[in-house]
Amino acid sequence: MIRKIRQVLGGDRHLTGRVLPALRQAVQGVGLPGLLCFWCLLSPALAEPGTAVLEARKPDLGPTEKASKSEPLPWLASLPQAYQQALQSGKPVFLRLEGKSCPYCKVLDEEIQKAVAQAELKRWTLVRLDVDQSPSVALQMAVGPIPALRLLSPTGQVIESKDGAMSAENLAAWLQEHYEAAAVVPDKALLASGPPDALAVIRLVKLFKQRDATVREAAIQRLIPYPDTAAPLVVSAFSDGSLSSQLSALELLREWNAPVEGLDPWNPNSLSLERLQKLTDWIEQIEITQESLVRKKLTPIELDSSRKMIDSLLTATPEEARAIRERLARFDR
């Protein structure tokens, strides 16, 4: 029997030298039942592979696969930078707000590292912020529980919100569900630089009708330096356009120091033919330089408008708040 056991052990002298004396003692002392009990205790140890065996069984990951596991997707630490990158790439923004002492944030972080989540996140512009270090963004995004997740268009419109941790599979499904709505590519006229041509001006003025306040504000910002090119279409939009177009056009006309005193789109009676004719005459003699566009002091109307905008920040939606902040920034030029 000892010879058979030696054969089972495969000739391992080190292991056999320790096991065989115990087997002899078991056979001589308690007979076959003792031997069986001893074999039951010994069998798991014999069945368990050694470290060398385990190492040999590990799959050999190629260099590409190893690199993908060691290089997770990068996360930006600035929301304005994310918007800029999203506008250039066309990728929507996935904003993740968390805290250092938040246990659920750590759970979410582990899920995000999984392959199923990483595969979907490649289509997004990723931003990761600490709520304590970015209180203004937390307020703007109406953050309550953390982690707080926000899906944003490249222009800053909040498409969808969710709070709390979730599995990698659920996160990927949630991102896929709202990707098309968030991936709204802005008009190319907004992304261009330099003086716009006639077609670009038409497209920019048409954006005055957009519901997204940030898009309207971006169109205004794009046209401000070019009154000689854009003024005729802007005056036309103010005279005959929708309320949204009139309000955006009025913003531009004020920037250009056009004769808009007494004109109020909310009051149709103020848009008299006489006042509108002044705008038409102004186009013919427009002489605006960069120096004239730089404000030395706010007018009373602008001061009142800025106060109202500051008050409205308290109740504005995140996208409206962003547009308001950009309008206020114009007053600081």
Protein backbone atom coordinates (compact mmCIF):
# COMPACT_ATOMS: atom_id res chain seq x y z
CA MET A 1 0.00 0.00 0.00
CA ILE A 2 2.88 2.33 0.84
CA ARG A 3 4.26 1.76 -2.66
CA LYS A 4 0.90 2.73 -4.18
CA ILE A 5 0.70 5.86 -2.08
CA ARG A 6 4.24 6.74 -3.15
CA GLN A 7 3.09 6.43 -6.76
CA VAL A 8 0.06 8.67 -6.10
CA LEU A 9 2.28 11.34 -4.59
CA GLY A 10 4.22 11.31 -7.82
CA GLY A 11 7.62 10.69 -6.32
CA ASP A 12 7.81 14.00 -4.48
CA ARG A 13 10.59 13.18 -2.02
CA HIS A 14 9.99 16.21 0.13
CA LEU A 15 6.30 15.49 0.59
CA THR A 16 6.77 11.71 0.78
CA GLY A 17 9.35 11.97 3.51
CA ARG A 18 6.84 13.73 5.74
CA VAL A 19 3.72 11.78 4.85
CA LEU A 20 4.90 8.14 4.75
CA PRO A 21 5.87 7.78 8.44
CA ALA A 22 2.47 9.12 9.41
CA LEU A 23 0.81 6.63 7.09
CA ARG A 24 2.74 3.72 8.60
CA GLN A 25 1.74 4.82 12.12
CA ALA A 26 -1.91 5.12 11.09
CA VAL A 27 -1.93 1.63 9.56
CA GLN A 28 -0.17 0.02 12.51
CA GLY A 29 -2.08 1.92 15.21
CA VAL A 30 -5.66 2.14 14.03
CA GLY A 31 -5.72 0.06 10.90
CA LEU A 32 -7.52 0.91 7.70
CA PRO A 33 -10.22 3.21 9.25
CA GLY A 34 -7.49 5.47 10.66
CA LEU A 35 -5.78 5.53 7.30
CA LEU A 36 -9.01 6.61 5.57
CA CYS A 37 -9.56 9.44 8.06
CA PHE A 38 -6.00 10.62 7.58
CA TRP A 39 -6.41 10.53 3.80
CA CYS A 40 -9.59 12.67 4.03
CA LEU A 41 -7.67 15.32 5.97
CA LEU A 42 -4.72 15.17 3.62
CA SER A 43 -6.58 15.22 0.30
CA PRO A 44 -7.45 19.00 0.23
CA ALA A 45 -3.80 19.87 0.73
CA LEU A 46 -2.79 17.51 -2.04
CA ALA A 47 -5.52 18.88 -4.33
CA GLU A 48 -4.62 22.56 -3.80
CA PRO A 49 -2.12 23.76 -6.40
CA GLY A 50 1.03 25.49 -5.29
CA THR A 51 1.96 29.11 -5.98
CA ALA A 52 3.91 28.13 -9.06
CA VAL A 53 0.85 26.37 -10.48
CA LEU A 54 -1.38 29.39 -9.85
CA GLU A 55 1.11 31.71 -11.53
CA ALA A 56 1.28 29.39 -14.51
CA ARG A 57 -2.51 29.46 -14.87
CA LYS A 58 -2.71 33.29 -15.06
CA PRO A 59 -3.64 34.46 -18.56
CA ASP A 60 -0.92 36.33 -20.38
CA LEU A 61 -2.40 39.76 -21.06
CA GLY A 62 -0.95 41.35 -24.12
CA PRO A 63 0.74 44.76 -23.86
CA THR A 64 -2.37 46.56 -25.17
CA GLU A 65 -4.69 44.93 -22.64
CA LYS A 66 -2.27 45.59 -19.78
CA ALA A 67 -2.02 49.24 -20.76
CA SER A 68 -5.80 49.64 -20.91
CA LYS A 69 -6.16 48.31 -17.38
CA SER A 70 -3.41 50.57 -15.99
CA GLU A 71 -4.58 53.74 -17.73
CA PRO A 72 -8.14 54.70 -16.69
CA LEU A 73 -9.94 57.45 -18.56
CA PRO A 74 -8.88 61.00 -17.60
CA TRP A 75 -11.23 63.26 -15.63
CA LEU A 76 -11.10 67.05 -15.85
CA ALA A 77 -11.21 69.18 -12.70
CA SER A 78 -12.80 72.27 -14.28
CA LEU A 79 -16.34 72.61 -15.61
CA PRO A 80 -15.53 75.57 -17.94
CA GLN A 81 -12.66 73.55 -19.39
CA ALA A 82 -15.05 70.64 -19.89
CA TYR A 83 -17.51 72.84 -21.79
CA GLN A 84 -14.72 74.10 -24.03
CA GLN A 85 -13.49 70.58 -24.72
CA ALA A 86 -17.04 69.32 -25.29
CA LEU A 87 -17.73 72.06 -27.83
CA GLN A 88 -14.61 71.10 -29.75
CA SER A 89 -15.13 67.34 -29.62
CA GLY A 90 -18.93 67.17 -29.70
CA LYS A 91 -18.89 64.83 -26.69
CA PRO A 92 -21.51 65.57 -24.00
CA VAL A 93 -20.44 66.21 -20.42
CA PHE A 94 -20.69 63.71 -17.55
CA LEU A 95 -20.26 65.64 -14.29
CA ARG A 96 -19.54 63.72 -11.10
CA LEU A 97 -19.72 65.60 -7.79
CA GLU A 98 -18.49 63.84 -4.67
CA GLY A 99 -16.82 64.26 -1.26
CA LYS A 100 -13.70 62.88 0.38
CA SER A 101 -15.53 61.28 3.33
CA CYS A 102 -18.40 59.88 1.24
CA PRO A 103 -18.47 56.04 1.35
CA TYR A 104 -20.92 55.78 -1.55
CA CYS A 105 -18.57 57.88 -3.68
CA LYS A 106 -15.89 55.23 -3.18
CA VAL A 107 -18.36 52.51 -4.14
CA LEU A 108 -19.21 54.41 -7.32
CA ASP A 109 -15.52 54.93 -8.10
CA GLU A 110 -14.93 51.17 -7.96
CA GLU A 111 -17.86 50.57 -10.30
CA ILE A 112 -16.65 53.23 -12.73
CA GLN A 113 -13.32 51.43 -13.08
CA LYS A 114 -15.04 48.32 -14.45
CA ALA A 115 -14.76 47.62 -18.16
CA VAL A 116 -18.47 47.95 -18.94
CA ALA A 117 -18.53 51.50 -17.53
CA GLN A 118 -15.20 52.52 -19.05
CA ALA A 119 -16.36 51.46 -22.51
CA GLU A 120 -19.36 53.81 -22.39
CA LEU A 121 -17.52 56.69 -20.69
CA LYS A 122 -15.19 56.99 -23.70
CA ARG A 123 -18.01 58.82 -25.50
CA TRP A 124 -18.27 61.52 -22.80
CA THR A 125 -16.31 64.52 -21.59
CA LEU A 126 -15.60 63.56 -17.97
CA VAL A 127 -15.51 66.00 -15.04
CA ARG A 128 -14.92 65.10 -11.40
CA LEU A 129 -15.37 67.76 -8.71
CA ASP A 130 -15.31 67.87 -4.91
CA VAL A 131 -18.41 69.60 -3.55
CA ASP A 132 -16.40 71.29 -0.78
CA GLN A 133 -13.86 72.69 -3.22
CA SER A 134 -16.47 73.69 -5.84
CA PRO A 135 -19.41 75.10 -3.82
CA SER A 136 -20.60 77.36 -6.64
CA VAL A 137 -20.92 74.43 -9.04
CA ALA A 138 -22.66 72.38 -6.34
CA LEU A 139 -25.16 75.21 -5.88
CA GLN A 140 -25.60 75.66 -9.61
CA MET A 141 -26.28 71.94 -10.08
CA ALA A 142 -28.67 71.78 -7.09
CA VAL A 143 -26.59 69.11 -5.38
CA GLY A 144 -28.13 67.36 -2.37
CA PRO A 145 -26.98 63.78 -1.68
CA ILE A 146 -23.63 62.71 -3.05
CA PRO A 147 -22.36 61.34 -5.28
CA ALA A 148 -24.37 63.61 -7.58
CA LEU A 149 -24.30 62.80 -11.29
CA ARG A 150 -25.27 65.29 -14.01
CA LEU A 151 -25.43 64.83 -17.77
CA LEU A 152 -24.90 68.09 -19.66
CA SER A 153 -24.92 69.19 -23.27
CA PRO A 154 -21.75 70.86 -24.60
CA THR A 155 -23.46 74.23 -24.10
CA GLY A 156 -24.17 73.50 -20.42
CA GLN A 157 -27.82 72.45 -20.51
CA VAL A 158 -28.66 69.87 -17.83
CA ILE A 159 -30.17 66.86 -19.61
CA GLU A 160 -30.52 64.39 -16.73
CA SER A 161 -29.64 64.10 -13.03
CA LYS A 162 -29.15 61.19 -10.65
CA ASP A 163 -27.89 60.94 -7.08
CA GLY A 164 -26.19 58.01 -5.34
CA ALA A 165 -23.98 55.11 -6.34
CA MET A 166 -24.97 52.53 -8.94
CA SER A 167 -23.51 49.45 -10.51
CA ALA A 168 -21.29 49.67 -13.57
CA GLU A 169 -24.02 48.03 -15.66
CA ASN A 170 -26.71 50.47 -14.51
CA LEU A 171 -24.40 53.44 -15.02
CA ALA A 172 -23.60 52.37 -18.57
CA ALA A 173 -27.30 51.85 -19.33
CA TRP A 174 -28.18 55.29 -17.89
CA LEU A 175 -25.50 57.01 -19.97
CA GLN A 176 -26.60 55.21 -23.12
CA GLU A 177 -30.23 56.14 -22.54
CA HIS A 178 -29.52 59.88 -22.49
CA TYR A 179 -26.54 60.11 -24.83
CA GLU A 180 -28.41 61.32 -27.91
CA ALA A 181 -30.24 64.04 -26.00
CA ALA A 182 -27.00 65.28 -24.43
CA ALA A 183 -24.84 65.06 -27.55
CA VAL A 184 -26.40 68.06 -29.27
CA VAL A 185 -23.68 69.39 -31.54
CA PRO A 186 -23.68 73.22 -31.52
CA ASP A 187 -23.90 75.14 -34.76
CA LYS A 188 -20.55 75.43 -36.50
CA ALA A 189 -21.03 79.19 -36.65
CA LEU A 190 -20.65 79.28 -32.86
CA LEU A 191 -17.34 77.43 -32.96
CA ALA A 192 -15.72 79.49 -35.71
CA SER A 193 -13.38 82.40 -35.10
CA GLY A 194 -12.77 85.63 -36.95
CA PRO A 195 -15.30 87.78 -38.82
CA PRO A 196 -18.40 85.78 -39.82
CA ASP A 197 -19.50 85.77 -43.44
CA ALA A 198 -23.06 86.60 -44.51
CA LEU A 199 -24.24 82.98 -44.19
CA ALA A 200 -22.75 82.64 -40.71
CA VAL A 201 -24.48 85.84 -39.58
CA ILE A 202 -27.82 84.46 -40.78
CA ARG A 203 -27.26 81.23 -38.86
CA LEU A 204 -26.19 83.07 -35.71
CA VAL A 205 -29.21 85.38 -35.75
CA LYS A 206 -31.47 82.35 -36.20
CA LEU A 207 -30.05 80.99 -32.96
CA PHE A 208 -31.77 83.89 -31.14
CA LYS A 209 -34.91 81.72 -31.30
CA GLN A 210 -33.32 78.80 -29.45
CA ARG A 211 -34.86 77.79 -26.12
CA ASP A 212 -31.43 77.14 -24.62
CA ALA A 213 -30.32 80.42 -23.04
CA THR A 214 -26.65 79.47 -23.28
CA VAL A 215 -26.94 79.04 -27.06
CA ARG A 216 -28.56 82.47 -27.42
CA GLU A 217 -25.85 84.04 -25.28
CA ALA A 218 -23.11 82.30 -27.27
CA ALA A 219 -24.56 83.73 -30.50
CA ILE A 220 -24.59 87.22 -28.98
CA GLN A 221 -20.97 86.87 -27.85
CA ARG A 222 -19.96 85.71 -31.32
CA LEU A 223 -21.53 88.75 -33.01
CA ILE A 224 -20.52 91.51 -30.58
CA PRO A 225 -17.19 92.36 -32.30
CA TYR A 226 -18.77 92.60 -35.77
CA PRO A 227 -21.58 95.21 -35.81
CA ASP A 228 -20.78 96.38 -39.33
CA THR A 229 -21.49 92.88 -40.67
CA ALA A 230 -24.34 91.81 -38.40
CA ALA A 231 -26.26 95.03 -37.63
CA PRO A 232 -28.76 94.88 -40.56
CA LEU A 233 -29.93 91.35 -39.74
CA VAL A 234 -29.99 92.05 -36.00
CA VAL A 235 -32.17 95.14 -36.50
CA SER A 236 -34.46 93.07 -38.74
CA ALA A 237 -34.74 90.39 -36.04
CA PHE A 238 -35.59 93.06 -33.48
CA SER A 239 -38.26 94.61 -35.69
CA ASP A 240 -39.97 91.47 -36.99
CA GLY A 241 -38.73 88.51 -34.96
CA SER A 242 -40.21 86.51 -32.10
CA LEU A 243 -39.99 87.75 -28.52
CA SER A 244 -36.91 85.61 -27.93
CA SER A 245 -35.23 87.03 -31.04
CA GLN A 246 -36.16 90.58 -30.07
CA LEU A 247 -34.69 90.22 -26.57
CA SER A 248 -31.42 88.79 -27.91
CA ALA A 249 -31.21 91.45 -30.62
CA LEU A 250 -31.79 94.16 -28.02
CA GLU A 251 -28.83 92.83 -26.01
CA LEU A 252 -26.61 93.23 -29.06
CA LEU A 253 -27.94 96.65 -30.02
CA ARG A 254 -27.19 97.93 -26.53
CA GLU A 255 -23.65 96.57 -26.81
CA TRP A 256 -23.27 98.53 -30.03
CA ASN A 257 -24.63 101.74 -28.48
CA ALA A 258 -27.55 101.78 -30.91
CA PRO A 259 -30.48 104.19 -30.29
CA VAL A 260 -32.72 101.79 -28.33
CA GLU A 261 -34.03 104.18 -25.67
CA GLY A 262 -37.68 103.49 -24.94
CA LEU A 263 -37.74 100.21 -26.88
CA ASP A 264 -39.13 97.27 -24.91
CA PRO A 265 -40.07 93.97 -26.62
CA TRP A 266 -42.36 93.15 -23.69
CA ASN A 267 -44.39 96.25 -24.60
CA PRO A 268 -45.34 96.07 -28.31
CA ASN A 269 -46.62 99.66 -28.20
CA SER A 270 -43.07 100.86 -27.59
CA LEU A 271 -41.98 99.51 -30.98
CA SER A 272 -43.28 102.49 -32.92
CA LEU A 273 -42.37 103.12 -36.55
CA GLU A 274 -40.57 106.29 -35.54
CA ARG A 275 -38.30 104.49 -33.07
CA LEU A 276 -37.65 101.61 -35.44
CA GLN A 277 -36.75 104.09 -38.18
CA LYS A 278 -34.03 105.48 -35.92
CA LEU A 279 -32.46 102.02 -35.88
CA THR A 280 -32.61 101.82 -39.67
CA ASP A 281 -30.96 105.22 -39.99
CA TRP A 282 -28.32 104.18 -37.48
CA ILE A 283 -27.30 101.25 -39.70
CA GLU A 284 -26.46 103.64 -42.53
CA GLN A 285 -24.08 105.68 -40.43
CA ILE A 286 -22.69 102.97 -38.16
CA GLU A 287 -19.12 103.71 -37.13
CA ILE A 288 -18.17 101.48 -34.25
CA THR A 289 -14.61 100.77 -33.23
CA GLN A 290 -13.32 98.38 -30.60
CA GLU A 291 -12.71 101.37 -28.31
CA SER A 292 -16.35 102.38 -28.44
CA LEU A 293 -17.37 98.86 -27.43
CA VAL A 294 -15.38 99.08 -24.19
CA ARG A 295 -17.60 100.40 -21.44
CA LYS A 296 -16.13 102.91 -19.04
CA LYS A 297 -19.24 103.01 -16.85
CA LEU A 298 -22.56 101.17 -16.79
CA THR A 299 -25.64 103.12 -17.76
CA PRO A 300 -28.59 103.26 -15.32
CA ILE A 301 -30.49 100.79 -17.51
CA GLU A 302 -27.57 98.35 -17.44
CA LEU A 303 -27.19 98.71 -13.68
CA ASP A 304 -30.85 97.89 -13.19
CA SER A 305 -30.59 94.98 -15.61
CA SER A 306 -27.54 93.56 -13.83
CA ARG A 307 -29.27 93.76 -10.44
CA LYS A 308 -32.26 91.88 -11.79
CA MET A 309 -30.00 89.21 -13.29
CA ILE A 310 -28.17 88.76 -10.00
CA ASP A 311 -31.50 88.33 -8.19
CA SER A 312 -32.69 85.82 -10.79
CA LEU A 313 -29.64 83.61 -10.18
CA LEU A 314 -31.31 82.36 -7.00
CA THR A 315 -34.18 80.72 -8.90
CA ALA A 316 -32.61 80.09 -12.31
CA THR A 317 -32.04 76.63 -13.74
CA PRO A 318 -28.38 75.59 -14.16
CA GLU A 319 -28.32 76.42 -17.88
CA GLU A 320 -30.07 79.77 -17.29
CA ALA A 321 -27.61 80.57 -14.50
CA ARG A 322 -24.68 79.94 -16.81
CA ALA A 323 -26.12 82.26 -19.46
CA ILE A 324 -26.77 84.94 -16.82
CA ARG A 325 -23.19 84.74 -15.59
CA GLU A 326 -21.89 85.22 -19.13
CA ARG A 327 -24.15 88.23 -19.64
CA LEU A 328 -22.89 89.73 -16.39
CA ALA A 329 -19.33 89.10 -17.56
CA ARG A 330 -20.02 91.32 -20.57
CA PHE A 331 -20.70 94.24 -18.23
CA ASP A 332 -17.25 93.72 -16.74
CA ARG A 333 -15.37 94.22 -20.02
